[in-house]
Amino acid sequence: MRSRTSDPRRLDVQAFARESGSLEGTWPIASLERLKSSLFRPDADAGHARWAAHGETRKPNSLQPQTWLHLTAHASVELECQRCLSAVRTALDVDRFFHFVPGEDEAAELDAEEEDDVLALPRSLDLLELVDEELLLALPIVPRHEHCPEPLPLKAEAEAGFADDESPHPFAALASLKRGPAGQN
């Protein structure tokens, strides 16, 4: 069994940083539950996510040593294109630094001031959960192809004659109300 400083599912972040530890590996995307639920086909084999974590202790001038974790991760996933509603392959890349502090109050206070994420130092950290969350945050807001492989449905409907001139104008009823009863102004 691995020690807590080298077990990515139960990482002792403070000891890992003190030892300038490094870990890397891959996890099946199927094991990243939150990311998996966002995929075009959640039940399909989605491949693997590569990740690496490096710990370090920084010693700023006259302050206590600081615990830091550098996380990188990469995955290529299929999402639903918001234009054509078919699958679009999307690369997700994470490159983040996390500053760990002793308590939640200090983390909340420093998080507002620092560019990097500030987290309360946990008893042990599950890197799988952190990788899952960070890849989820890396998802594009609106996934789409640069050029959709199929014509868009709206264009096909217009070509089929659904946009003819015989349909009533949606604001025709408002025009009659504006004229008043029996056509008066």
N, C-alpha and C. Protein backbone atom coordinates (compact mmCIF):
# COMPACT_ATOMS: atom_id res chain seq x y z
N MET A 1 0.84 -1.19 0.00
CA MET A 1 0.00 0.00 0.00
C MET A 1 0.89 1.25 0.00
N ARG A 2 0.47 2.24 -0.73
CA ARG A 2 1.25 3.47 -0.83
C ARG A 2 1.07 4.33 0.42
N SER A 3 2.08 5.16 0.68
CA SER A 3 1.93 6.11 1.78
C SER A 3 1.00 7.22 1.34
N ARG A 4 0.46 7.96 2.28
CA ARG A 4 -0.48 9.05 1.96
C ARG A 4 0.17 10.12 1.11
N THR A 5 1.49 10.27 1.17
CA THR A 5 2.13 11.30 0.36
C THR A 5 2.24 10.89 -1.10
N SER A 6 2.07 9.61 -1.42
CA SER A 6 2.16 9.19 -2.82
C SER A 6 0.89 8.54 -3.35
N ASP A 7 -0.15 8.46 -2.55
CA ASP A 7 -1.42 7.90 -2.99
C ASP A 7 -2.29 9.03 -3.53
N PRO A 8 -2.55 9.07 -4.84
CA PRO A 8 -3.32 10.18 -5.39
C PRO A 8 -4.76 10.25 -4.89
N ARG A 9 -5.29 9.17 -4.34
CA ARG A 9 -6.65 9.18 -3.82
C ARG A 9 -6.71 9.63 -2.36
N ARG A 10 -5.56 9.66 -1.68
CA ARG A 10 -5.49 10.10 -0.28
C ARG A 10 -4.19 10.86 -0.06
N LEU A 11 -4.02 11.94 -0.76
CA LEU A 11 -2.76 12.69 -0.77
C LEU A 11 -2.63 13.58 0.47
N ASP A 12 -1.54 13.43 1.18
CA ASP A 12 -1.19 14.34 2.28
C ASP A 12 -0.49 15.53 1.62
N VAL A 13 -1.24 16.56 1.35
CA VAL A 13 -0.75 17.69 0.54
C VAL A 13 0.44 18.37 1.20
N GLN A 14 0.40 18.57 2.50
CA GLN A 14 1.47 19.28 3.19
C GLN A 14 2.78 18.49 3.10
N ALA A 15 2.74 17.19 3.36
CA ALA A 15 3.95 16.37 3.26
C ALA A 15 4.42 16.27 1.81
N PHE A 16 3.47 16.17 0.89
CA PHE A 16 3.79 16.10 -0.54
C PHE A 16 4.52 17.36 -0.99
N ALA A 17 4.07 18.52 -0.53
CA ALA A 17 4.72 19.79 -0.87
C ALA A 17 6.08 19.89 -0.20
N ARG A 18 6.16 19.49 1.06
CA ARG A 18 7.42 19.56 1.80
C ARG A 18 8.49 18.71 1.12
N GLU A 19 8.08 17.56 0.55
CA GLU A 19 9.01 16.66 -0.13
C GLU A 19 9.21 17.02 -1.61
N SER A 20 8.56 18.10 -2.07
CA SER A 20 8.57 18.47 -3.50
C SER A 20 8.18 17.27 -4.35
N GLY A 21 7.13 16.61 -3.93
CA GLY A 21 6.68 15.39 -4.60
C GLY A 21 6.08 15.62 -5.98
N SER A 22 6.11 14.59 -6.78
CA SER A 22 5.51 14.60 -8.11
C SER A 22 4.77 13.28 -8.32
N LEU A 23 3.61 13.38 -8.88
CA LEU A 23 2.81 12.22 -9.26
C LEU A 23 2.23 12.48 -10.63
N GLU A 24 2.06 11.44 -11.40
CA GLU A 24 1.36 11.59 -12.68
C GLU A 24 0.73 10.26 -13.04
N GLY A 25 -0.24 10.34 -13.93
CA GLY A 25 -0.90 9.12 -14.34
C GLY A 25 -2.06 9.39 -15.27
N THR A 26 -2.87 8.38 -15.47
CA THR A 26 -4.09 8.50 -16.26
C THR A 26 -5.23 7.85 -15.51
N TRP A 27 -6.42 8.37 -15.72
CA TRP A 27 -7.63 7.77 -15.18
C TRP A 27 -8.63 7.65 -16.31
N PRO A 28 -9.39 6.56 -16.34
CA PRO A 28 -10.46 6.47 -17.34
C PRO A 28 -11.46 7.60 -17.10
N ILE A 29 -11.91 8.22 -18.17
CA ILE A 29 -12.89 9.29 -18.02
C ILE A 29 -14.16 8.75 -17.36
N ALA A 30 -14.43 7.48 -17.52
CA ALA A 30 -15.60 6.87 -16.87
C ALA A 30 -15.52 6.97 -15.34
N SER A 31 -14.30 7.09 -14.78
CA SER A 31 -14.15 7.22 -13.32
C SER A 31 -14.30 8.67 -12.85
N LEU A 32 -14.37 9.61 -13.79
CA LEU A 32 -14.56 11.03 -13.47
C LEU A 32 -16.07 11.31 -13.61
N GLU A 33 -16.81 11.00 -12.57
CA GLU A 33 -18.27 10.97 -12.62
C GLU A 33 -18.91 12.27 -13.13
N ARG A 34 -18.46 13.41 -12.63
CA ARG A 34 -19.10 14.68 -13.01
C ARG A 34 -18.80 15.01 -14.47
N LEU A 35 -17.56 14.80 -14.90
CA LEU A 35 -17.21 15.05 -16.30
C LEU A 35 -17.96 14.09 -17.21
N LYS A 36 -18.00 12.84 -16.83
CA LYS A 36 -18.66 11.80 -17.63
C LYS A 36 -20.13 12.16 -17.90
N SER A 37 -20.81 12.72 -16.91
CA SER A 37 -22.23 13.06 -17.07
C SER A 37 -22.45 14.21 -18.06
N SER A 38 -21.41 14.95 -18.41
CA SER A 38 -21.52 16.07 -19.35
C SER A 38 -21.22 15.68 -20.79
N LEU A 39 -20.86 14.43 -21.02
CA LEU A 39 -20.44 14.00 -22.35
C LEU A 39 -21.63 13.75 -23.27
N PHE A 40 -21.35 13.77 -24.57
CA PHE A 40 -22.37 13.52 -25.60
C PHE A 40 -22.98 12.13 -25.41
N ARG A 41 -22.12 11.13 -25.19
CA ARG A 41 -22.57 9.77 -24.91
C ARG A 41 -21.92 9.31 -23.60
N PRO A 42 -22.56 9.59 -22.46
CA PRO A 42 -21.97 9.26 -21.16
C PRO A 42 -21.66 7.78 -20.97
N ASP A 43 -22.37 6.90 -21.67
CA ASP A 43 -22.16 5.47 -21.48
C ASP A 43 -21.07 4.90 -22.39
N ALA A 44 -20.62 5.67 -23.37
CA ALA A 44 -19.60 5.18 -24.30
C ALA A 44 -18.21 5.23 -23.65
N ASP A 45 -17.29 4.45 -24.17
CA ASP A 45 -15.90 4.50 -23.70
C ASP A 45 -15.33 5.85 -24.12
N ALA A 46 -15.02 6.69 -23.16
CA ALA A 46 -14.61 8.07 -23.45
C ALA A 46 -13.10 8.26 -23.41
N GLY A 47 -12.35 7.21 -23.22
CA GLY A 47 -10.90 7.35 -23.20
C GLY A 47 -10.37 7.64 -21.81
N HIS A 48 -9.21 8.31 -21.76
CA HIS A 48 -8.53 8.57 -20.50
C HIS A 48 -8.18 10.05 -20.35
N ALA A 49 -8.01 10.44 -19.11
CA ALA A 49 -7.53 11.78 -18.78
C ALA A 49 -6.11 11.63 -18.22
N ARG A 50 -5.19 12.39 -18.78
CA ARG A 50 -3.81 12.42 -18.25
C ARG A 50 -3.72 13.54 -17.23
N TRP A 51 -2.94 13.32 -16.17
CA TRP A 51 -2.79 14.33 -15.13
C TRP A 51 -1.39 14.25 -14.52
N ALA A 52 -0.98 15.35 -13.92
CA ALA A 52 0.28 15.41 -13.17
C ALA A 52 0.10 16.41 -12.03
N ALA A 53 0.68 16.08 -10.89
CA ALA A 53 0.62 16.95 -9.72
C ALA A 53 2.03 17.11 -9.16
N HIS A 54 2.38 18.33 -8.82
CA HIS A 54 3.70 18.64 -8.25
C HIS A 54 3.48 19.51 -7.02
N GLY A 55 4.10 19.11 -5.93
CA GLY A 55 3.99 19.87 -4.69
C GLY A 55 5.23 20.72 -4.47
N GLU A 56 5.04 21.83 -3.80
CA GLU A 56 6.18 22.69 -3.47
C GLU A 56 5.87 23.52 -2.23
N THR A 57 6.92 23.87 -1.54
CA THR A 57 6.81 24.78 -0.40
C THR A 57 7.50 26.07 -0.80
N ARG A 58 6.76 27.16 -0.73
CA ARG A 58 7.31 28.48 -1.04
C ARG A 58 7.54 29.22 0.27
N LYS A 59 8.65 29.95 0.29
CA LYS A 59 8.98 30.70 1.51
C LYS A 59 9.11 32.18 1.16
N PRO A 60 7.98 32.91 1.20
CA PRO A 60 8.06 34.35 0.95
C PRO A 60 8.77 35.05 2.11
N ASN A 61 9.21 36.26 1.87
CA ASN A 61 9.97 37.02 2.88
C ASN A 61 9.26 37.07 4.23
N SER A 62 9.95 36.62 5.25
CA SER A 62 9.55 36.66 6.66
C SER A 62 8.17 36.07 6.96
N LEU A 63 7.65 35.27 6.09
CA LEU A 63 6.36 34.61 6.37
C LEU A 63 6.57 33.12 6.55
N GLN A 64 5.54 32.47 7.06
CA GLN A 64 5.58 31.02 7.21
C GLN A 64 5.68 30.37 5.82
N PRO A 65 6.28 29.20 5.74
CA PRO A 65 6.30 28.49 4.46
C PRO A 65 4.88 28.21 3.96
N GLN A 66 4.68 28.31 2.66
CA GLN A 66 3.37 28.11 2.06
C GLN A 66 3.33 26.79 1.30
N THR A 67 2.20 26.11 1.39
CA THR A 67 1.99 24.83 0.72
C THR A 67 1.29 25.07 -0.61
N TRP A 68 1.92 24.57 -1.70
CA TRP A 68 1.37 24.76 -3.05
C TRP A 68 1.29 23.43 -3.78
N LEU A 69 0.31 23.34 -4.66
CA LEU A 69 0.16 22.18 -5.53
C LEU A 69 -0.07 22.69 -6.94
N HIS A 70 0.70 22.17 -7.88
CA HIS A 70 0.53 22.51 -9.30
C HIS A 70 -0.11 21.31 -9.98
N LEU A 71 -1.26 21.51 -10.59
CA LEU A 71 -2.01 20.43 -11.24
C LEU A 71 -2.13 20.72 -12.72
N THR A 72 -1.78 19.73 -13.54
CA THR A 72 -2.06 19.80 -14.98
C THR A 72 -2.88 18.57 -15.33
N ALA A 73 -3.76 18.74 -16.30
CA ALA A 73 -4.59 17.62 -16.75
C ALA A 73 -4.99 17.87 -18.19
N HIS A 74 -5.20 16.78 -18.92
CA HIS A 74 -5.65 16.87 -20.31
C HIS A 74 -6.59 15.71 -20.61
N ALA A 75 -7.65 16.02 -21.33
CA ALA A 75 -8.58 15.00 -21.81
C ALA A 75 -9.17 15.49 -23.11
N SER A 76 -9.50 14.56 -23.97
CA SER A 76 -10.20 14.86 -25.22
C SER A 76 -11.54 14.14 -25.14
N VAL A 77 -12.63 14.92 -25.17
CA VAL A 77 -13.96 14.37 -24.95
C VAL A 77 -14.91 14.78 -26.07
N GLU A 78 -16.00 14.03 -26.18
CA GLU A 78 -17.06 14.38 -27.13
C GLU A 78 -18.18 15.07 -26.38
N LEU A 79 -18.52 16.28 -26.84
CA LEU A 79 -19.62 17.04 -26.28
C LEU A 79 -20.67 17.23 -27.37
N GLU A 80 -21.81 17.80 -27.02
CA GLU A 80 -22.85 18.03 -28.01
C GLU A 80 -22.69 19.44 -28.60
N CYS A 81 -22.52 19.51 -29.92
CA CYS A 81 -22.42 20.79 -30.61
C CYS A 81 -23.76 21.52 -30.44
N GLN A 82 -23.71 22.76 -30.02
CA GLN A 82 -24.93 23.52 -29.77
C GLN A 82 -25.54 24.09 -31.04
N ARG A 83 -24.87 23.93 -32.19
CA ARG A 83 -25.44 24.35 -33.47
C ARG A 83 -26.17 23.20 -34.14
N CYS A 84 -25.44 22.09 -34.36
CA CYS A 84 -26.00 20.99 -35.15
C CYS A 84 -26.45 19.80 -34.30
N LEU A 85 -26.17 19.84 -33.01
CA LEU A 85 -26.59 18.82 -32.04
C LEU A 85 -25.93 17.45 -32.27
N SER A 86 -24.81 17.43 -32.98
CA SER A 86 -24.05 16.19 -33.13
C SER A 86 -22.81 16.27 -32.24
N ALA A 87 -22.03 15.20 -32.23
CA ALA A 87 -20.85 15.15 -31.36
C ALA A 87 -19.74 16.05 -31.90
N VAL A 88 -19.08 16.74 -30.99
CA VAL A 88 -17.91 17.56 -31.35
C VAL A 88 -16.78 17.19 -30.39
N ARG A 89 -15.63 16.81 -30.94
CA ARG A 89 -14.46 16.45 -30.14
C ARG A 89 -13.85 17.74 -29.58
N THR A 90 -13.62 17.76 -28.27
CA THR A 90 -13.14 18.96 -27.59
C THR A 90 -11.97 18.60 -26.67
N ALA A 91 -10.88 19.35 -26.79
CA ALA A 91 -9.72 19.15 -25.91
C ALA A 91 -9.91 20.00 -24.65
N LEU A 92 -9.69 19.38 -23.51
CA LEU A 92 -9.77 20.08 -22.23
C LEU A 92 -8.38 20.09 -21.62
N ASP A 93 -7.90 21.27 -21.25
CA ASP A 93 -6.58 21.41 -20.66
C ASP A 93 -6.67 22.20 -19.37
N VAL A 94 -6.00 21.70 -18.35
CA VAL A 94 -5.97 22.35 -17.04
C VAL A 94 -4.51 22.59 -16.68
N ASP A 95 -4.20 23.77 -16.19
CA ASP A 95 -2.88 24.12 -15.68
C ASP A 95 -3.11 25.11 -14.54
N ARG A 96 -3.21 24.61 -13.31
CA ARG A 96 -3.61 25.44 -12.17
C ARG A 96 -2.66 25.27 -11.00
N PHE A 97 -2.50 26.34 -10.24
CA PHE A 97 -1.78 26.32 -8.97
C PHE A 97 -2.79 26.50 -7.85
N PHE A 98 -2.62 25.72 -6.77
CA PHE A 98 -3.48 25.81 -5.60
C PHE A 98 -2.60 26.10 -4.39
N HIS A 99 -2.99 27.13 -3.66
CA HIS A 99 -2.30 27.52 -2.42
C HIS A 99 -3.16 26.99 -1.27
N PHE A 100 -2.56 26.16 -0.42
CA PHE A 100 -3.28 25.58 0.71
C PHE A 100 -2.93 26.31 1.99
N VAL A 101 -3.97 26.67 2.76
CA VAL A 101 -3.79 27.38 4.03
C VAL A 101 -4.52 26.58 5.12
N PRO A 102 -4.19 26.85 6.41
CA PRO A 102 -4.72 26.03 7.50
C PRO A 102 -6.24 25.99 7.65
N GLY A 103 -6.98 27.07 7.40
CA GLY A 103 -8.42 27.05 7.68
C GLY A 103 -9.27 27.68 6.60
N GLU A 104 -10.58 27.42 6.68
CA GLU A 104 -11.55 27.94 5.71
C GLU A 104 -11.61 29.47 5.71
N ASP A 105 -11.56 30.08 6.91
CA ASP A 105 -11.65 31.54 6.99
C ASP A 105 -10.47 32.20 6.29
N GLU A 106 -9.28 31.70 6.54
CA GLU A 106 -8.08 32.24 5.89
C GLU A 106 -8.14 32.01 4.38
N ALA A 107 -8.64 30.85 3.97
CA ALA A 107 -8.75 30.54 2.55
C ALA A 107 -9.71 31.52 1.86
N ALA A 108 -10.85 31.78 2.48
CA ALA A 108 -11.83 32.71 1.90
C ALA A 108 -11.26 34.12 1.80
N GLU A 109 -10.53 34.54 2.82
CA GLU A 109 -9.94 35.88 2.83
C GLU A 109 -8.86 36.02 1.75
N LEU A 110 -7.96 35.04 1.67
CA LEU A 110 -6.87 35.12 0.70
C LEU A 110 -7.33 34.86 -0.74
N ASP A 111 -8.38 34.07 -0.91
CA ASP A 111 -8.86 33.74 -2.25
C ASP A 111 -9.32 34.99 -2.99
N ALA A 112 -9.86 35.96 -2.26
CA ALA A 112 -10.30 37.21 -2.88
C ALA A 112 -9.11 38.06 -3.32
N GLU A 113 -7.95 37.88 -2.68
CA GLU A 113 -6.78 38.69 -2.96
C GLU A 113 -5.84 38.07 -3.99
N GLU A 114 -5.76 36.75 -4.05
CA GLU A 114 -4.78 36.07 -4.90
C GLU A 114 -5.38 35.65 -6.24
N GLU A 115 -4.53 35.59 -7.25
CA GLU A 115 -4.94 35.11 -8.56
C GLU A 115 -5.16 33.60 -8.57
N ASP A 116 -4.29 32.87 -7.89
CA ASP A 116 -4.40 31.42 -7.83
C ASP A 116 -5.48 31.03 -6.82
N ASP A 117 -5.97 29.79 -6.95
CA ASP A 117 -6.99 29.31 -6.02
C ASP A 117 -6.37 29.08 -4.64
N VAL A 118 -7.10 29.47 -3.61
CA VAL A 118 -6.67 29.25 -2.23
C VAL A 118 -7.69 28.30 -1.60
N LEU A 119 -7.19 27.18 -1.07
CA LEU A 119 -8.05 26.17 -0.47
C LEU A 119 -7.61 25.89 0.96
N ALA A 120 -8.55 25.48 1.78
CA ALA A 120 -8.22 25.04 3.14
C ALA A 120 -7.51 23.70 3.04
N LEU A 121 -6.48 23.53 3.82
CA LEU A 121 -5.67 22.31 3.80
C LEU A 121 -6.49 21.14 4.35
N PRO A 122 -6.75 20.13 3.50
CA PRO A 122 -7.53 18.99 3.97
C PRO A 122 -6.64 17.97 4.67
N ARG A 123 -7.27 17.06 5.40
CA ARG A 123 -6.53 15.96 6.04
C ARG A 123 -5.88 15.12 4.94
N SER A 124 -6.65 14.83 3.89
CA SER A 124 -6.11 14.18 2.70
C SER A 124 -6.92 14.67 1.50
N LEU A 125 -6.26 14.72 0.35
CA LEU A 125 -6.87 15.23 -0.86
C LEU A 125 -7.02 14.09 -1.87
N ASP A 126 -8.18 14.00 -2.47
CA ASP A 126 -8.42 13.01 -3.52
C ASP A 126 -8.16 13.71 -4.86
N LEU A 127 -7.03 13.41 -5.48
CA LEU A 127 -6.68 14.05 -6.75
C LEU A 127 -7.67 13.69 -7.85
N LEU A 128 -8.27 12.51 -7.79
CA LEU A 128 -9.26 12.13 -8.79
C LEU A 128 -10.43 13.12 -8.77
N GLU A 129 -10.90 13.47 -7.59
CA GLU A 129 -11.99 14.44 -7.47
C GLU A 129 -11.56 15.82 -7.95
N LEU A 130 -10.33 16.22 -7.62
CA LEU A 130 -9.84 17.53 -8.05
C LEU A 130 -9.68 17.58 -9.57
N VAL A 131 -9.14 16.53 -10.18
CA VAL A 131 -9.00 16.47 -11.63
C VAL A 131 -10.39 16.50 -12.28
N ASP A 132 -11.33 15.75 -11.74
CA ASP A 132 -12.70 15.73 -12.26
C ASP A 132 -13.29 17.14 -12.25
N GLU A 133 -13.17 17.82 -11.12
CA GLU A 133 -13.74 19.17 -11.00
C GLU A 133 -13.06 20.16 -11.94
N GLU A 134 -11.74 20.10 -12.03
CA GLU A 134 -11.02 21.06 -12.87
C GLU A 134 -11.29 20.82 -14.36
N LEU A 135 -11.40 19.57 -14.78
CA LEU A 135 -11.75 19.30 -16.19
C LEU A 135 -13.18 19.74 -16.47
N LEU A 136 -14.07 19.57 -15.51
CA LEU A 136 -15.45 20.03 -15.65
C LEU A 136 -15.48 21.55 -15.83
N LEU A 137 -14.66 22.26 -15.05
CA LEU A 137 -14.59 23.72 -15.17
C LEU A 137 -13.96 24.16 -16.50
N ALA A 138 -13.19 23.28 -17.12
CA ALA A 138 -12.54 23.60 -18.40
C ALA A 138 -13.47 23.40 -19.60
N LEU A 139 -14.66 22.84 -19.37
CA LEU A 139 -15.60 22.64 -20.47
C LEU A 139 -15.98 23.99 -21.08
N PRO A 140 -16.11 24.06 -22.40
CA PRO A 140 -16.55 25.31 -23.00
C PRO A 140 -18.01 25.59 -22.63
N ILE A 141 -18.36 26.84 -22.54
CA ILE A 141 -19.73 27.22 -22.20
C ILE A 141 -20.68 26.78 -23.31
N VAL A 142 -20.26 26.99 -24.56
CA VAL A 142 -21.07 26.61 -25.72
C VAL A 142 -20.20 25.78 -26.65
N PRO A 143 -20.20 24.45 -26.49
CA PRO A 143 -19.40 23.63 -27.40
C PRO A 143 -20.00 23.65 -28.80
N ARG A 144 -19.13 23.77 -29.80
CA ARG A 144 -19.61 23.75 -31.18
C ARG A 144 -18.47 23.51 -32.14
N HIS A 145 -18.83 22.99 -33.31
CA HIS A 145 -17.86 22.80 -34.38
C HIS A 145 -17.49 24.18 -34.95
N GLU A 146 -16.30 24.29 -35.49
CA GLU A 146 -15.97 25.51 -36.22
C GLU A 146 -16.83 25.57 -37.48
N HIS A 147 -16.97 24.42 -38.15
CA HIS A 147 -17.85 24.27 -39.31
C HIS A 147 -18.60 22.95 -39.12
N CYS A 148 -19.89 23.03 -38.89
CA CYS A 148 -20.68 21.82 -38.64
C CYS A 148 -20.65 20.89 -39.86
N PRO A 149 -20.55 19.58 -39.62
CA PRO A 149 -20.46 18.63 -40.72
C PRO A 149 -21.77 18.46 -41.49
N GLU A 150 -22.89 18.72 -40.87
CA GLU A 150 -24.20 18.59 -41.50
C GLU A 150 -24.84 19.97 -41.57
N PRO A 151 -25.72 20.18 -42.58
CA PRO A 151 -26.43 21.46 -42.63
C PRO A 151 -27.30 21.62 -41.39
N LEU A 152 -27.47 22.84 -40.97
CA LEU A 152 -28.27 23.12 -39.79
C LEU A 152 -29.74 22.87 -40.06
N PRO A 153 -30.51 22.34 -39.11
CA PRO A 153 -31.92 22.01 -39.32
C PRO A 153 -32.77 23.19 -39.77
N LEU A 154 -32.53 24.39 -39.27
CA LEU A 154 -33.36 25.54 -39.64
C LEU A 154 -33.26 25.83 -41.13
N LYS A 155 -32.10 25.69 -41.70
CA LYS A 155 -31.91 25.94 -43.12
C LYS A 155 -32.69 24.90 -43.93
N ALA A 156 -32.68 23.67 -43.50
CA ALA A 156 -33.40 22.60 -44.19
C ALA A 156 -34.90 22.84 -44.14
N GLU A 157 -35.43 23.31 -43.00
CA GLU A 157 -36.86 23.59 -42.89
C GLU A 157 -37.28 24.71 -43.83
N ALA A 158 -36.49 25.75 -43.95
CA ALA A 158 -36.80 26.87 -44.84
C ALA A 158 -36.83 26.39 -46.28
N GLU A 159 -35.90 25.52 -46.65
CA GLU A 159 -35.86 24.99 -48.01
C GLU A 159 -37.06 24.10 -48.30
N ALA A 160 -37.63 23.46 -47.28
CA ALA A 160 -38.76 22.57 -47.47
C ALA A 160 -40.08 23.33 -47.59
N GLY A 161 -40.05 24.64 -47.47
CA GLY A 161 -41.25 25.45 -47.67
C GLY A 161 -42.01 25.77 -46.40
N PHE A 162 -41.41 25.61 -45.25
CA PHE A 162 -42.10 25.92 -44.00
C PHE A 162 -42.19 27.41 -43.74
N ALA A 163 -41.43 28.18 -44.45
CA ALA A 163 -41.43 29.63 -44.25
C ALA A 163 -42.14 30.31 -45.42
N ASP A 164 -43.40 29.95 -45.66
CA ASP A 164 -44.11 30.55 -46.78
C ASP A 164 -44.78 31.84 -46.35
N ASP A 165 -45.22 32.61 -47.34
CA ASP A 165 -45.81 33.92 -47.06
C ASP A 165 -47.26 33.83 -46.63
N GLU A 166 -47.89 32.66 -46.73
CA GLU A 166 -49.29 32.52 -46.39
C GLU A 166 -49.54 32.41 -44.90
N SER A 167 -48.52 32.16 -44.11
CA SER A 167 -48.72 32.04 -42.67
C SER A 167 -49.01 33.41 -42.08
N PRO A 168 -49.87 33.48 -41.06
CA PRO A 168 -50.21 34.79 -40.48
C PRO A 168 -48.99 35.40 -39.79
N HIS A 169 -48.93 36.69 -39.87
CA HIS A 169 -47.85 37.42 -39.21
C HIS A 169 -48.08 37.35 -37.70
N PRO A 170 -47.03 37.10 -36.92
CA PRO A 170 -47.25 36.92 -35.47
C PRO A 170 -47.78 38.15 -34.76
N PHE A 171 -47.62 39.34 -35.34
CA PHE A 171 -48.09 40.55 -34.68
C PHE A 171 -49.35 41.14 -35.33
N ALA A 172 -50.01 40.38 -36.19
CA ALA A 172 -51.22 40.86 -36.87
C ALA A 172 -52.31 41.19 -35.86
N ALA A 173 -52.45 40.38 -34.83
CA ALA A 173 -53.48 40.63 -33.81
C ALA A 173 -53.19 41.93 -33.07
N LEU A 174 -51.95 42.26 -32.84
CA LEU A 174 -51.60 43.51 -32.17
C LEU A 174 -51.95 44.71 -33.03
N ALA A 175 -51.78 44.61 -34.35
CA ALA A 175 -52.11 45.71 -35.24
C ALA A 175 -53.60 46.02 -35.18
N SER A 176 -54.44 44.97 -35.11
CA SER A 176 -55.88 45.21 -35.02
C SER A 176 -56.25 45.85 -33.69
N LEU A 177 -55.58 45.52 -32.63
CA LEU A 177 -55.85 46.16 -31.33
C LEU A 177 -55.45 47.63 -31.34
N LYS A 178 -54.39 47.94 -32.07
CA LYS A 178 -53.91 49.32 -32.14
C LYS A 178 -54.94 50.20 -32.87
N ARG A 179 -55.60 49.63 -33.87
CA ARG A 179 -56.61 50.39 -34.63
C ARG A 179 -57.85 50.65 -33.79
N GLY A 180 -58.09 49.86 -32.78
CA GLY A 180 -59.25 50.06 -31.93
C GLY A 180 -60.46 49.30 -32.44
N PRO A 181 -61.63 49.42 -31.76
CA PRO A 181 -62.83 48.67 -32.18
C PRO A 181 -63.35 49.18 -33.53
N ALA A 182 -63.71 48.25 -34.37
CA ALA A 182 -64.29 48.53 -35.69
C ALA A 182 -63.42 49.45 -36.53
N GLY A 183 -62.09 49.34 -36.37
CA GLY A 183 -61.18 50.08 -37.22
C GLY A 183 -61.00 51.54 -36.83
N GLN A 184 -61.46 51.98 -35.67
CA GLN A 184 -61.29 53.39 -35.25
C GLN A 184 -59.89 53.61 -34.72
N ASN A 185 -59.37 54.83 -34.83
CA ASN A 185 -58.06 55.20 -34.29
C ASN A 185 -58.18 55.87 -32.98
